[in-house]
Amino acid sequence: MRVRDEGKRLGVAELGAELGERATLVQFSSAFCAPCRATRRILGEVAELVPGVIHVEIDAEAHLSLVRTLDIVKTPTVLVLDADGRVVRRAAGQPRKADVIAALGQAVRAEGAGSVEGSGV
């Protein structure tokens, strides 16, 4: 996962959902994307594992304006947001669970809340 959208913030208006208390995993998906289903499972597992983290899935085809604004060029694309909605990390393609947990550790540290429980980060 890499940093690319430093300074960009997303909130309820863009996501259509509340932000997580500690971090938010935002997944851009499309209907016929097989890796999107696997990514949904991985992000859901991580969100259940880490208190205060939620997973929000956005249909890229139904939100083209947001897709263009964020320069999403493929699905799945995952954005890791800190508690304030700032984009901390970004990954295009299916991420590994360990990479998501590491990125969450950075998002949580960015807000000064400490380590991600159960991840060693």
PDB file of N, CA and C in Angstrom:
ATOM      1  N   MET A   1       0.855  -1.172   0.000  1.00  0.00           N
ATOM      2  CA  MET A   1       0.000   0.000   0.000  1.00  0.00           C
ATOM      3  C   MET A   1       0.898   1.231   0.000  1.00  0.00           C
ATOM      4  N   ARG A   2       0.474   2.264  -0.703  1.00  0.00           N
ATOM      5  CA  ARG A   2       1.320   3.443  -0.819  1.00  0.00           C
ATOM      6  C   ARG A   2       0.557   4.715  -0.483  1.00  0.00           C
ATOM      7  N   VAL A   3       1.314   5.764  -0.199  1.00  0.00           N
ATOM      8  CA  VAL A   3       0.716   7.073   0.041  1.00  0.00           C
ATOM      9  C   VAL A   3       0.635   7.769  -1.308  1.00  0.00           C
ATOM     10  N   ARG A   4      -0.498   8.374  -1.603  1.00  0.00           N
ATOM     11  CA  ARG A   4      -0.617   9.089  -2.857  1.00  0.00           C
ATOM     12  C   ARG A   4      -1.547  10.281  -2.727  1.00  0.00           C
ATOM     13  N   ASP A   5      -2.529  10.170  -1.902  1.00  0.00           N
ATOM     14  CA  ASP A   5      -3.567  11.187  -1.805  1.00  0.00           C
ATOM     15  C   ASP A   5      -3.410  12.025  -0.548  1.00  0.00           C
ATOM     16  N   GLU A   6      -2.164  12.257  -0.143  1.00  0.00           N
ATOM     17  CA  GLU A   6      -1.905  12.977   1.100  1.00  0.00           C
ATOM     18  C   GLU A   6      -2.681  14.291   1.141  1.00  0.00           C
ATOM     19  N   GLY A   7      -3.369  14.511   2.239  1.00  0.00           N
ATOM     20  CA  GLY A   7      -4.125  15.743   2.414  1.00  0.00           C
ATOM     21  C   GLY A   7      -5.579  15.641   1.991  1.00  0.00           C
ATOM     22  N   LYS A   8      -5.927  14.653   1.167  1.00  0.00           N
ATOM     23  CA  LYS A   8      -7.323  14.500   0.764  1.00  0.00           C
ATOM     24  C   LYS A   8      -8.113  13.931   1.923  1.00  0.00           C
ATOM     25  N   ARG A   9      -9.319  14.467   2.093  1.00  0.00           N
ATOM     26  CA  ARG A   9     -10.201  13.978   3.157  1.00  0.00           C
ATOM     27  C   ARG A   9     -11.522  13.534   2.556  1.00  0.00           C
ATOM     28  N   LEU A  10     -12.069  12.488   3.130  1.00  0.00           N
ATOM     29  CA  LEU A  10     -13.386  11.998   2.750  1.00  0.00           C
ATOM     30  C   LEU A  10     -14.249  11.947   3.998  1.00  0.00           C
ATOM     31  N   GLY A  11     -15.522  12.196   3.819  1.00  0.00           N
ATOM     32  CA  GLY A  11     -16.443  12.158   4.944  1.00  0.00           C
ATOM     33  C   GLY A  11     -17.754  11.517   4.557  1.00  0.00           C
ATOM     34  N   VAL A  12     -18.758  11.747   5.369  1.00  0.00           N
ATOM     35  CA  VAL A  12     -20.078  11.155   5.173  1.00  0.00           C
ATOM     36  C   VAL A  12     -20.642  11.505   3.804  1.00  0.00           C
ATOM     37  N   ALA A  13     -20.477  12.745   3.378  1.00  0.00           N
ATOM     38  CA  ALA A  13     -21.040  13.185   2.098  1.00  0.00           C
ATOM     39  C   ALA A  13     -20.477  12.376   0.933  1.00  0.00           C
ATOM     40  N   GLU A  14     -19.183  12.110   0.947  1.00  0.00           N
ATOM     41  CA  GLU A  14     -18.555  11.359  -0.148  1.00  0.00           C
ATOM     42  C   GLU A  14     -18.782   9.861  -0.027  1.00  0.00           C
ATOM     43  N   LEU A  15     -18.717   9.345   1.194  1.00  0.00           N
ATOM     44  CA  LEU A  15     -18.778   7.900   1.409  1.00  0.00           C
ATOM     45  C   LEU A  15     -20.193   7.353   1.541  1.00  0.00           C
ATOM     46  N   GLY A  16     -21.118   8.202   1.960  1.00  0.00           N
ATOM     47  CA  GLY A  16     -22.467   7.718   2.219  1.00  0.00           C
ATOM     48  C   GLY A  16     -22.542   6.890   3.489  1.00  0.00           C
ATOM     49  N   ALA A  17     -21.525   7.010   4.353  1.00  0.00           N
ATOM     50  CA  ALA A  17     -21.466   6.264   5.614  1.00  0.00           C
ATOM     51  C   ALA A  17     -20.595   7.044   6.581  1.00  0.00           C
ATOM     52  N   GLU A  18     -20.791   6.769   7.873  1.00  0.00           N
ATOM     53  CA  GLU A  18     -19.976   7.393   8.908  1.00  0.00           C
ATOM     54  C   GLU A  18     -18.558   6.830   8.857  1.00  0.00           C
ATOM     55  N   LEU A  19     -17.608   7.630   9.306  1.00  0.00           N
ATOM     56  CA  LEU A  19     -16.231   7.170   9.422  1.00  0.00           C
ATOM     57  C   LEU A  19     -16.090   6.273  10.650  1.00  0.00           C
ATOM     58  N   GLY A  20     -15.113   5.376  10.603  1.00  0.00           N
ATOM     59  CA  GLY A  20     -14.806   4.557  11.766  1.00  0.00           C
ATOM     60  C   GLY A  20     -14.205   5.420  12.863  1.00  0.00           C
ATOM     61  N   GLU A  21     -14.369   5.000  14.084  1.00  0.00           N
ATOM     62  CA  GLU A  21     -13.843   5.742  15.238  1.00  0.00           C
ATOM     63  C   GLU A  21     -12.321   5.876  15.181  1.00  0.00           C
ATOM     64  N   ARG A  22     -11.639   4.825  14.691  1.00  0.00           N
ATOM     65  CA  ARG A  22     -10.166   4.842  14.600  1.00  0.00           C
ATOM     66  C   ARG A  22      -9.671   4.928  13.166  1.00  0.00           C
ATOM     67  N   ALA A  23     -10.359   4.265  12.240  1.00  0.00           N
ATOM     68  CA  ALA A  23      -9.941   4.260  10.835  1.00  0.00           C
ATOM     69  C   ALA A  23     -11.080   3.705   9.978  1.00  0.00           C
ATOM     70  N   THR A  24     -10.990   3.957   8.672  1.00  0.00           N
ATOM     71  CA  THR A  24     -11.994   3.477   7.730  1.00  0.00           C
ATOM     72  C   THR A  24     -11.285   2.861   6.525  1.00  0.00           C
ATOM     73  N   LEU A  25     -11.730   1.672   6.132  1.00  0.00           N
ATOM     74  CA  LEU A  25     -11.241   0.998   4.937  1.00  0.00           C
ATOM     75  C   LEU A  25     -12.268   1.227   3.839  1.00  0.00           C
ATOM     76  N   VAL A  26     -11.897   1.985   2.813  1.00  0.00           N
ATOM     77  CA  VAL A  26     -12.814   2.303   1.718  1.00  0.00           C
ATOM     78  C   VAL A  26     -12.420   1.470   0.512  1.00  0.00           C
ATOM     79  N   GLN A  27     -13.366   0.692   0.007  1.00  0.00           N
ATOM     80  CA  GLN A  27     -13.124  -0.180  -1.137  1.00  0.00           C
ATOM     81  C   GLN A  27     -13.967   0.283  -2.310  1.00  0.00           C
ATOM     82  N   PHE A  28     -13.328   0.568  -3.444  1.00  0.00           N
ATOM     83  CA  PHE A  28     -14.034   0.861  -4.688  1.00  0.00           C
ATOM     84  C   PHE A  28     -14.102  -0.428  -5.483  1.00  0.00           C
ATOM     85  N   SER A  29     -15.331  -0.844  -5.832  1.00  0.00           N
ATOM     86  CA  SER A  29     -15.567  -2.119  -6.501  1.00  0.00           C
ATOM     87  C   SER A  29     -16.426  -1.926  -7.737  1.00  0.00           C
ATOM     88  N   SER A  30     -16.490  -2.975  -8.545  1.00  0.00           N
ATOM     89  CA  SER A  30     -17.409  -3.002  -9.684  1.00  0.00           C
ATOM     90  C   SER A  30     -18.092  -4.366  -9.718  1.00  0.00           C
ATOM     91  N   ALA A  31     -19.199  -4.425 -10.420  1.00  0.00           N
ATOM     92  CA  ALA A  31     -20.077  -5.590 -10.366  1.00  0.00           C
ATOM     93  C   ALA A  31     -19.414  -6.902 -10.765  1.00  0.00           C
ATOM     94  N   PHE A  32     -18.614  -6.920 -11.806  1.00  0.00           N
ATOM     95  CA  PHE A  32     -18.083  -8.179 -12.318  1.00  0.00           C
ATOM     96  C   PHE A  32     -16.606  -8.368 -11.996  1.00  0.00           C
ATOM     97  N   CYS A  33     -16.198  -7.855 -10.865  1.00  0.00           N
ATOM     98  CA  CYS A  33     -14.793  -7.866 -10.441  1.00  0.00           C
ATOM     99  C   CYS A  33     -14.579  -8.996  -9.435  1.00  0.00           C
ATOM    100  N   ALA A  34     -13.951 -10.085  -9.871  1.00  0.00           N
ATOM    101  CA  ALA A  34     -13.696 -11.213  -8.966  1.00  0.00           C
ATOM    102  C   ALA A  34     -12.764 -10.830  -7.812  1.00  0.00           C
ATOM    103  N   PRO A  35     -11.670 -10.088  -8.048  1.00  0.00           N
ATOM    104  CA  PRO A  35     -10.820  -9.697  -6.923  1.00  0.00           C
ATOM    105  C   PRO A  35     -11.543  -8.803  -5.908  1.00  0.00           C
ATOM    106  N   CYS A  36     -12.599  -8.127  -6.348  1.00  0.00           N
ATOM    107  CA  CYS A  36     -13.365  -7.273  -5.427  1.00  0.00           C
ATOM    108  C   CYS A  36     -14.039  -8.113  -4.345  1.00  0.00           C
ATOM    109  N   ARG A  37     -14.522  -9.296  -4.708  1.00  0.00           N
ATOM    110  CA  ARG A  37     -15.170 -10.171  -3.723  1.00  0.00           C
ATOM    111  C   ARG A  37     -14.168 -10.636  -2.673  1.00  0.00           C
ATOM    112  N   ALA A  38     -12.969 -11.008  -3.117  1.00  0.00           N
ATOM    113  CA  ALA A  38     -11.933 -11.431  -2.173  1.00  0.00           C
ATOM    114  C   ALA A  38     -11.497 -10.265  -1.292  1.00  0.00           C
ATOM    115  N   THR A  39     -11.403  -9.080  -1.887  1.00  0.00           N
ATOM    116  CA  THR A  39     -11.023  -7.888  -1.128  1.00  0.00           C
ATOM    117  C   THR A  39     -12.081  -7.562  -0.084  1.00  0.00           C
ATOM    118  N   ARG A  40     -13.356  -7.695  -0.445  1.00  0.00           N
ATOM    119  CA  ARG A  40     -14.460  -7.457   0.498  1.00  0.00           C
ATOM    120  C   ARG A  40     -14.310  -8.368   1.713  1.00  0.00           C
ATOM    121  N   ARG A  41     -13.971  -9.629   1.467  1.00  0.00           N
ATOM    122  CA  ARG A  41     -13.806 -10.596   2.558  1.00  0.00           C
ATOM    123  C   ARG A  41     -12.628 -10.202   3.450  1.00  0.00           C
ATOM    124  N   ILE A  42     -11.500  -9.869   2.850  1.00  0.00           N
ATOM    125  CA  ILE A  42     -10.295  -9.491   3.617  1.00  0.00           C
ATOM    126  C   ILE A  42     -10.567  -8.250   4.463  1.00  0.00           C
ATOM    127  N   LEU A  43     -11.135  -7.219   3.852  1.00  0.00           N
ATOM    128  CA  LEU A  43     -11.369  -5.972   4.578  1.00  0.00           C
ATOM    129  C   LEU A  43     -12.415  -6.160   5.672  1.00  0.00           C
ATOM    130  N   GLY A  44     -13.418  -6.989   5.406  1.00  0.00           N
ATOM    131  CA  GLY A  44     -14.421  -7.291   6.426  1.00  0.00           C
ATOM    132  C   GLY A  44     -13.808  -7.993   7.621  1.00  0.00           C
ATOM    133  N   GLU A  45     -12.907  -8.948   7.358  1.00  0.00           N
ATOM    134  CA  GLU A  45     -12.229  -9.659   8.448  1.00  0.00           C
ATOM    135  C   GLU A  45     -11.382  -8.706   9.277  1.00  0.00           C
ATOM    136  N   VAL A  46     -10.651  -7.814   8.610  1.00  0.00           N
ATOM    137  CA  VAL A  46      -9.796  -6.871   9.336  1.00  0.00           C
ATOM    138  C   VAL A  46     -10.652  -5.913  10.158  1.00  0.00           C
ATOM    139  N   ALA A  47     -11.745  -5.436   9.581  1.00  0.00           N
ATOM    140  CA  ALA A  47     -12.628  -4.508  10.308  1.00  0.00           C
ATOM    141  C   ALA A  47     -13.216  -5.171  11.557  1.00  0.00           C
ATOM    142  N   GLU A  48     -13.516  -6.467  11.481  1.00  0.00           N
ATOM    143  CA  GLU A  48     -14.025  -7.191  12.651  1.00  0.00           C
ATOM    144  C   GLU A  48     -12.935  -7.410  13.692  1.00  0.00           C
ATOM    145  N   LEU A  49     -11.708  -7.558  13.241  1.00  0.00           N
ATOM    146  CA  LEU A  49     -10.570  -7.829  14.113  1.00  0.00           C
ATOM    147  C   LEU A  49     -10.142  -6.600  14.911  1.00  0.00           C
ATOM    148  N   VAL A  50     -10.245  -5.426  14.308  1.00  0.00           N
ATOM    149  CA  VAL A  50      -9.707  -4.209  14.923  1.00  0.00           C
ATOM    150  C   VAL A  50     -10.848  -3.295  15.376  1.00  0.00           C
ATOM    151  N   PRO A  51     -11.007  -3.089  16.672  1.00  0.00           N
ATOM    152  CA  PRO A  51     -12.075  -2.212  17.175  1.00  0.00           C
ATOM    153  C   PRO A  51     -11.937  -0.792  16.635  1.00  0.00           C
ATOM    154  N   GLY A  52     -13.074  -0.194  16.291  1.00  0.00           N
ATOM    155  CA  GLY A  52     -13.081   1.190  15.820  1.00  0.00           C
ATOM    156  C   GLY A  52     -12.788   1.352  14.345  1.00  0.00           C
ATOM    157  N   VAL A  53     -12.659   0.234  13.625  1.00  0.00           N
ATOM    158  CA  VAL A  53     -12.391   0.273  12.184  1.00  0.00           C
ATOM    159  C   VAL A  53     -13.611  -0.257  11.453  1.00  0.00           C
ATOM    160  N   ILE A  54     -14.012   0.453  10.388  1.00  0.00           N
ATOM    161  CA  ILE A  54     -15.128  -0.025   9.574  1.00  0.00           C
ATOM    162  C   ILE A  54     -14.691  -0.169   8.126  1.00  0.00           C
ATOM    163  N   HIS A  55     -15.455  -0.966   7.399  1.00  0.00           N
ATOM    164  CA  HIS A  55     -15.238  -1.198   5.973  1.00  0.00           C
ATOM    165  C   HIS A  55     -16.423  -0.601   5.225  1.00  0.00           C
ATOM    166  N   VAL A  56     -16.123   0.262   4.250  1.00  0.00           N
ATOM    167  CA  VAL A  56     -17.154   0.866   3.412  1.00  0.00           C
ATOM    168  C   VAL A  56     -16.854   0.484   1.973  1.00  0.00           C
ATOM    169  N   GLU A  57     -17.829  -0.115   1.307  1.00  0.00           N
ATOM    170  CA  GLU A  57     -17.646  -0.483  -0.103  1.00  0.00           C
ATOM    171  C   GLU A  57     -18.450   0.469  -0.975  1.00  0.00           C
ATOM    172  N   ILE A  58     -17.805   0.989  -2.013  1.00  0.00           N
ATOM    173  CA  ILE A  58     -18.430   1.943  -2.924  1.00  0.00           C
ATOM    174  C   ILE A  58     -18.450   1.349  -4.324  1.00  0.00           C
ATOM    175  N   ASP A  59     -19.622   1.373  -4.943  1.00  0.00           N
ATOM    176  CA  ASP A  59     -19.770   0.918  -6.325  1.00  0.00           C
ATOM    177  C   ASP A  59     -19.180   1.996  -7.230  1.00  0.00           C
ATOM    178  N   ALA A  60     -18.034   1.689  -7.837  1.00  0.00           N
ATOM    179  CA  ALA A  60     -17.326   2.676  -8.662  1.00  0.00           C
ATOM    180  C   ALA A  60     -18.190   3.176  -9.816  1.00  0.00           C
ATOM    181  N   GLU A  61     -18.955   2.292 -10.414  1.00  0.00           N
ATOM    182  CA  GLU A  61     -19.778   2.679 -11.563  1.00  0.00           C
ATOM    183  C   GLU A  61     -20.896   3.639 -11.175  1.00  0.00           C
ATOM    184  N   ALA A  62     -21.380   3.554  -9.947  1.00  0.00           N
ATOM    185  CA  ALA A  62     -22.470   4.414  -9.488  1.00  0.00           C
ATOM    186  C   ALA A  62     -21.960   5.736  -8.910  1.00  0.00           C
ATOM    187  N   HIS A  63     -20.650   5.852  -8.723  1.00  0.00           N
ATOM    188  CA  HIS A  63     -20.060   7.059  -8.123  1.00  0.00           C
ATOM    189  C   HIS A  63     -18.904   7.572  -8.985  1.00  0.00           C
ATOM    190  N   LEU A  64     -19.171   7.791 -10.270  1.00  0.00           N
ATOM    191  CA  LEU A  64     -18.123   8.165 -11.219  1.00  0.00           C
ATOM    192  C   LEU A  64     -17.448   9.490 -10.874  1.00  0.00           C
ATOM    193  N   SER A  65     -18.192  10.435 -10.340  1.00  0.00           N
ATOM    194  CA  SER A  65     -17.595  11.721  -9.989  1.00  0.00           C
ATOM    195  C   SER A  65     -16.514  11.543  -8.917  1.00  0.00           C
ATOM    196  N   LEU A  66     -16.814  10.762  -7.895  1.00  0.00           N
ATOM    197  CA  LEU A  66     -15.844  10.497  -6.834  1.00  0.00           C
ATOM    198  C   LEU A  66     -14.657   9.698  -7.370  1.00  0.00           C
ATOM    199  N   VAL A  67     -14.932   8.737  -8.230  1.00  0.00           N
ATOM    200  CA  VAL A  67     -13.881   7.926  -8.852  1.00  0.00           C
ATOM    201  C   VAL A  67     -12.920   8.830  -9.620  1.00  0.00           C
ATOM    202  N   ARG A  68     -13.465   9.768 -10.379  1.00  0.00           N
ATOM    203  CA  ARG A  68     -12.612  10.693 -11.137  1.00  0.00           C
ATOM    204  C   ARG A  68     -11.834  11.622 -10.209  1.00  0.00           C
ATOM    205  N   THR A  69     -12.492  12.141  -9.187  1.00  0.00           N
ATOM    206  CA  THR A  69     -11.835  13.046  -8.240  1.00  0.00           C
ATOM    207  C   THR A  69     -10.645  12.374  -7.573  1.00  0.00           C
ATOM    208  N   LEU A  70     -10.799  11.094  -7.219  1.00  0.00           N
ATOM    209  CA  LEU A  70      -9.742  10.354  -6.515  1.00  0.00           C
ATOM    210  C   LEU A  70      -8.810   9.615  -7.463  1.00  0.00           C
ATOM    211  N   ASP A  71      -9.038   9.754  -8.775  1.00  0.00           N
ATOM    212  CA  ASP A  71      -8.201   9.099  -9.781  1.00  0.00           C
ATOM    213  C   ASP A  71      -8.144   7.581  -9.582  1.00  0.00           C
ATOM    214  N   ILE A  72      -9.314   6.990  -9.369  1.00  0.00           N
ATOM    215  CA  ILE A  72      -9.425   5.533  -9.262  1.00  0.00           C
ATOM    216  C   ILE A  72      -9.429   4.990 -10.686  1.00  0.00           C
ATOM    217  N   VAL A  73      -8.449   4.150 -11.034  1.00  0.00           N
ATOM    218  CA  VAL A  73      -8.347   3.661 -12.406  1.00  0.00           C
ATOM    219  C   VAL A  73      -8.637   2.168 -12.543  1.00  0.00           C
ATOM    220  N   LYS A  74      -8.735   1.452 -11.422  1.00  0.00           N
ATOM    221  CA  LYS A  74      -9.078   0.035 -11.490  1.00  0.00           C
ATOM    222  C   LYS A  74      -9.774  -0.382 -10.204  1.00  0.00           C
ATOM    223  N   THR A  75     -10.485  -1.498 -10.296  1.00  0.00           N
ATOM    224  CA  THR A  75     -11.108  -2.068  -9.105  1.00  0.00           C
ATOM    225  C   THR A  75     -10.508  -3.448  -8.877  1.00  0.00           C
ATOM    226  N   PRO A  76     -10.349  -3.813  -7.617  1.00  0.00           N
ATOM    227  CA  PRO A  76     -10.615  -2.990  -6.446  1.00  0.00           C
ATOM    228  C   PRO A  76      -9.502  -1.976  -6.212  1.00  0.00           C
ATOM    229  N   THR A  77      -9.870  -0.845  -5.658  1.00  0.00           N
ATOM    230  CA  THR A  77      -8.914   0.110  -5.105  1.00  0.00           C
ATOM    231  C   THR A  77      -9.338   0.336  -3.664  1.00  0.00           C
ATOM    232  N   VAL A  78      -8.364   0.297  -2.754  1.00  0.00           N
ATOM    233  CA  VAL A  78      -8.633   0.451  -1.326  1.00  0.00           C
ATOM    234  C   VAL A  78      -7.929   1.706  -0.827  1.00  0.00           C
ATOM    235  N   LEU A  79      -8.685   2.525  -0.105  1.00  0.00           N
ATOM    236  CA  LEU A  79      -8.127   3.688   0.580  1.00  0.00           C
ATOM    237  C   LEU A  79      -8.226   3.435   2.078  1.00  0.00           C
ATOM    238  N   VAL A  80      -7.171   3.724   2.799  1.00  0.00           N
ATOM    239  CA  VAL A  80      -7.180   3.636   4.257  1.00  0.00           C
ATOM    240  C   VAL A  80      -7.244   5.067   4.777  1.00  0.00           C
ATOM    241  N   LEU A  81      -8.303   5.366   5.523  1.00  0.00           N
ATOM    242  CA  LEU A  81      -8.506   6.702   6.080  1.00  0.00           C
ATOM    243  C   LEU A  81      -8.245   6.685   7.571  1.00  0.00           C
ATOM    244  N   ASP A  82      -7.679   7.771   8.091  1.00  0.00           N
ATOM    245  CA  ASP A  82      -7.540   7.882   9.536  1.00  0.00           C
ATOM    246  C   ASP A  82      -8.883   8.317  10.127  1.00  0.00           C
ATOM    247  N   ALA A  83      -8.924   8.552  11.421  1.00  0.00           N
ATOM    248  CA  ALA A  83     -10.182   8.880  12.095  1.00  0.00           C
ATOM    249  C   ALA A  83     -10.800  10.184  11.596  1.00  0.00           C
ATOM    250  N   ASP A  84      -9.981  11.061  11.021  1.00  0.00           N
ATOM    251  CA  ASP A  84     -10.475  12.335  10.499  1.00  0.00           C
ATOM    252  C   ASP A  84     -10.838  12.278   9.022  1.00  0.00           C
ATOM    253  N   GLY A  85     -10.712  11.105   8.407  1.00  0.00           N
ATOM    254  CA  GLY A  85     -11.065  10.953   7.002  1.00  0.00           C
ATOM    255  C   GLY A  85      -9.940  11.270   6.035  1.00  0.00           C
ATOM    256  N   ARG A  86      -8.729  11.492   6.551  1.00  0.00           N
ATOM    257  CA  ARG A  86      -7.578  11.745   5.676  1.00  0.00           C
ATOM    258  C   ARG A  86      -7.108  10.431   5.055  1.00  0.00           C
ATOM    259  N   VAL A  87      -6.798  10.470   3.762  1.00  0.00           N
ATOM    260  CA  VAL A  87      -6.263   9.296   3.083  1.00  0.00           C
ATOM    261  C   VAL A  87      -4.821   9.107   3.533  1.00  0.00           C
ATOM    262  N   VAL A  88      -4.559   7.953   4.160  1.00  0.00           N
ATOM    263  CA  VAL A  88      -3.231   7.632   4.681  1.00  0.00           C
ATOM    264  C   VAL A  88      -2.503   6.669   3.748  1.00  0.00           C
ATOM    265  N   ARG A  89      -3.232   5.721   3.180  1.00  0.00           N
ATOM    266  CA  ARG A  89      -2.658   4.726   2.271  1.00  0.00           C
ATOM    267  C   ARG A  89      -3.664   4.402   1.179  1.00  0.00           C
ATOM    268  N   ARG A  90      -3.120   3.871   0.070  1.00  0.00           N
ATOM    269  CA  ARG A  90      -3.939   3.530  -1.092  1.00  0.00           C
ATOM    270  C   ARG A  90      -3.322   2.304  -1.751  1.00  0.00           C
ATOM    271  N   ALA A  91      -4.179   1.399  -2.243  1.00  0.00           N
ATOM    272  CA  ALA A  91      -3.707   0.216  -2.971  1.00  0.00           C
ATOM    273  C   ALA A  91      -4.665  -0.083  -4.104  1.00  0.00           C
ATOM    274  N   ALA A  92      -4.116  -0.356  -5.279  1.00  0.00           N
ATOM    275  CA  ALA A  92      -4.924  -0.792  -6.421  1.00  0.00           C
ATOM    276  C   ALA A  92      -4.711  -2.295  -6.566  1.00  0.00           C
ATOM    277  N   GLY A  93      -5.785  -3.027  -6.762  1.00  0.00           N
ATOM    278  CA  GLY A  93      -5.708  -4.478  -6.829  1.00  0.00           C
ATOM    279  C   GLY A  93      -6.017  -5.076  -5.470  1.00  0.00           C
ATOM    280  N   GLN A  94      -6.063  -6.397  -5.429  1.00  0.00           N
ATOM    281  CA  GLN A  94      -6.405  -7.097  -4.194  1.00  0.00           C
ATOM    282  C   GLN A  94      -5.256  -7.014  -3.202  1.00  0.00           C
ATOM    283  N   PRO A  95      -5.485  -6.412  -2.032  1.00  0.00           N
ATOM    284  CA  PRO A  95      -4.409  -6.293  -1.052  1.00  0.00           C
ATOM    285  C   PRO A  95      -4.252  -7.567  -0.222  1.00  0.00           C
ATOM    286  N   ARG A  96      -3.062  -7.740   0.332  1.00  0.00           N
ATOM    287  CA  ARG A  96      -2.839  -8.826   1.285  1.00  0.00           C
ATOM    288  C   ARG A  96      -3.322  -8.359   2.652  1.00  0.00           C
ATOM    289  N   LYS A  97      -3.840  -9.279   3.432  1.00  0.00           N
ATOM    290  CA  LYS A  97      -4.360  -8.952   4.765  1.00  0.00           C
ATOM    291  C   LYS A  97      -3.281  -8.290   5.625  1.00  0.00           C
ATOM    292  N   ALA A  98      -2.059  -8.797   5.579  1.00  0.00           N
ATOM    293  CA  ALA A  98      -0.966  -8.232   6.380  1.00  0.00           C
ATOM    294  C   ALA A  98      -0.693  -6.779   5.990  1.00  0.00           C
ATOM    295  N   ASP A  99      -0.793  -6.466   4.699  1.00  0.00           N
ATOM    296  CA  ASP A  99      -0.560  -5.097   4.239  1.00  0.00           C
ATOM    297  C   ASP A  99      -1.660  -4.151   4.736  1.00  0.00           C
ATOM    298  N   VAL A 100      -2.883  -4.643   4.752  1.00  0.00           N
ATOM    299  CA  VAL A 100      -4.001  -3.830   5.256  1.00  0.00           C
ATOM    300  C   VAL A 100      -3.803  -3.534   6.738  1.00  0.00           C
ATOM    301  N   ILE A 101      -3.417  -4.545   7.503  1.00  0.00           N
ATOM    302  CA  ILE A 101      -3.192  -4.355   8.939  1.00  0.00           C
ATOM    303  C   ILE A 101      -2.049  -3.371   9.175  1.00  0.00           C
ATOM    304  N   ALA A 102      -0.976  -3.473   8.388  1.00  0.00           N
ATOM    305  CA  ALA A 102       0.146  -2.537   8.522  1.00  0.00           C
ATOM    306  C   ALA A 102      -0.292  -1.116   8.188  1.00  0.00           C
ATOM    307  N   ALA A 103      -1.086  -0.949   7.149  1.00  0.00           N
ATOM    308  CA  ALA A 103      -1.576   0.378   6.775  1.00  0.00           C
ATOM    309  C   ALA A 103      -2.489   0.944   7.854  1.00  0.00           C
ATOM    310  N   LEU A 104      -3.286   0.087   8.471  1.00  0.00           N
ATOM    311  CA  LEU A 104      -4.135   0.532   9.580  1.00  0.00           C
ATOM    312  C   LEU A 104      -3.280   1.023  10.742  1.00  0.00           C
ATOM    313  N   GLY A 105      -2.179   0.331  10.999  1.00  0.00           N
ATOM    314  CA  GLY A 105      -1.273   0.766  12.052  1.00  0.00           C
ATOM    315  C   GLY A 105      -0.782   2.181  11.799  1.00  0.00           C
ATOM    316  N   GLN A 106      -0.497   2.502  10.539  1.00  0.00           N
ATOM    317  CA  GLN A 106      -0.051   3.848  10.197  1.00  0.00           C
ATOM    318  C   GLN A 106      -1.185   4.854  10.341  1.00  0.00           C
ATOM    319  N   ALA A 107      -2.388   4.462   9.982  1.00  0.00           N
ATOM    320  CA  ALA A 107      -3.543   5.368  10.103  1.00  0.00           C
ATOM    321  C   ALA A 107      -3.817   5.682  11.561  1.00  0.00           C
ATOM    322  N   VAL A 108      -3.721   4.671  12.412  1.00  0.00           N
ATOM    323  CA  VAL A 108      -3.988   4.861  13.834  1.00  0.00           C
ATOM    324  C   VAL A 108      -2.874   5.700  14.463  1.00  0.00           C
ATOM    325  N   ARG A 109      -1.624   5.442  14.080  1.00  0.00           N
ATOM    326  CA  ARG A 109      -0.504   6.254  14.580  1.00  0.00           C
ATOM    327  C   ARG A 109      -0.647   7.703  14.125  1.00  0.00           C
ATOM    328  N   ALA A 110      -1.167   7.907  12.922  1.00  0.00           N
ATOM    329  CA  ALA A 110      -1.338   9.259  12.391  1.00  0.00           C
ATOM    330  C   ALA A 110      -2.266  10.075  13.283  1.00  0.00           C
ATOM    331  N   GLU A 111      -3.205   9.391  13.938  1.00  0.00           N
ATOM    332  CA  GLU A 111      -4.118  10.113  14.826  1.00  0.00           C
ATOM    333  C   GLU A 111      -3.660  10.064  16.279  1.00  0.00           C
ATOM    334  N   GLY A 112      -2.549   9.361  16.528  1.00  0.00           N
ATOM    335  CA  GLY A 112      -1.987   9.334  17.879  1.00  0.00           C
ATOM    336  C   GLY A 112      -2.682   8.392  18.837  1.00  0.00           C
ATOM    337  N   ALA A 113      -3.372   7.371  18.318  1.00  0.00           N
ATOM    338  CA  ALA A 113      -4.149   6.490  19.190  1.00  0.00           C
ATOM    339  C   ALA A 113      -3.390   5.238  19.624  1.00  0.00           C
ATOM    340  N   GLY A 114      -2.168   5.035  19.167  1.00  0.00           N
ATOM    341  CA  GLY A 114      -1.437   3.848  19.619  1.00  0.00           C
ATOM    342  C   GLY A 114      -1.420   2.764  18.573  1.00  0.00           C
ATOM    343  N   SER A 115      -1.293   1.527  19.006  1.00  0.00           N
ATOM    344  CA  SER A 115      -1.135   0.411  18.077  1.00  0.00           C
ATOM    345  C   SER A 115      -2.466  -0.223  17.721  1.00  0.00           C
ATOM    346  N   VAL A 116      -2.435  -0.962  16.619  1.00  0.00           N
ATOM    347  CA  VAL A 116      -3.598  -1.723  16.197  1.00  0.00           C
ATOM    348  C   VAL A 116      -3.581  -3.028  16.967  1.00  0.00           C
ATOM    349  N   GLU A 117      -4.623  -3.269  17.745  1.00  0.00           N
ATOM    350  CA  GLU A 117      -4.681  -4.445  18.597  1.00  0.00           C
ATOM    351  C   GLU A 117      -4.637  -5.729  17.789  1.00  0.00           C
ATOM    352  N   GLY A 118      -3.846  -6.663  18.241  1.00  0.00           N
ATOM    353  CA  GLY A 118      -3.788  -7.971  17.613  1.00  0.00           C
ATOM    354  C   GLY A 118      -2.939  -8.001  16.363  1.00  0.00           C
ATOM    355  N   SER A 119      -2.338  -6.874  15.961  1.00  0.00           N
ATOM    356  CA  SER A 119      -1.575  -6.873  14.724  1.00  0.00           C
ATOM    357  C   SER A 119      -0.087  -6.772  14.963  1.00  0.00           C
ATOM    358  N   GLY A 120       0.323  -6.450  16.191  1.00  0.00           N
ATOM    359  CA  GLY A 120       1.728  -6.265  16.459  1.00  0.00           C
ATOM    360  C   GLY A 120       2.248  -4.931  15.962  1.00  0.00           C
ATOM    361  N   VAL A 121       1.354  -4.074  15.484  1.00  0.00           N
ATOM    362  CA  VAL A 121       1.762  -2.769  14.949  1.00  0.00           C
ATOM    363  C   VAL A 121       1.505  -1.698  15.972  1.00  0.00           C
TER     364      VAL A 121
END
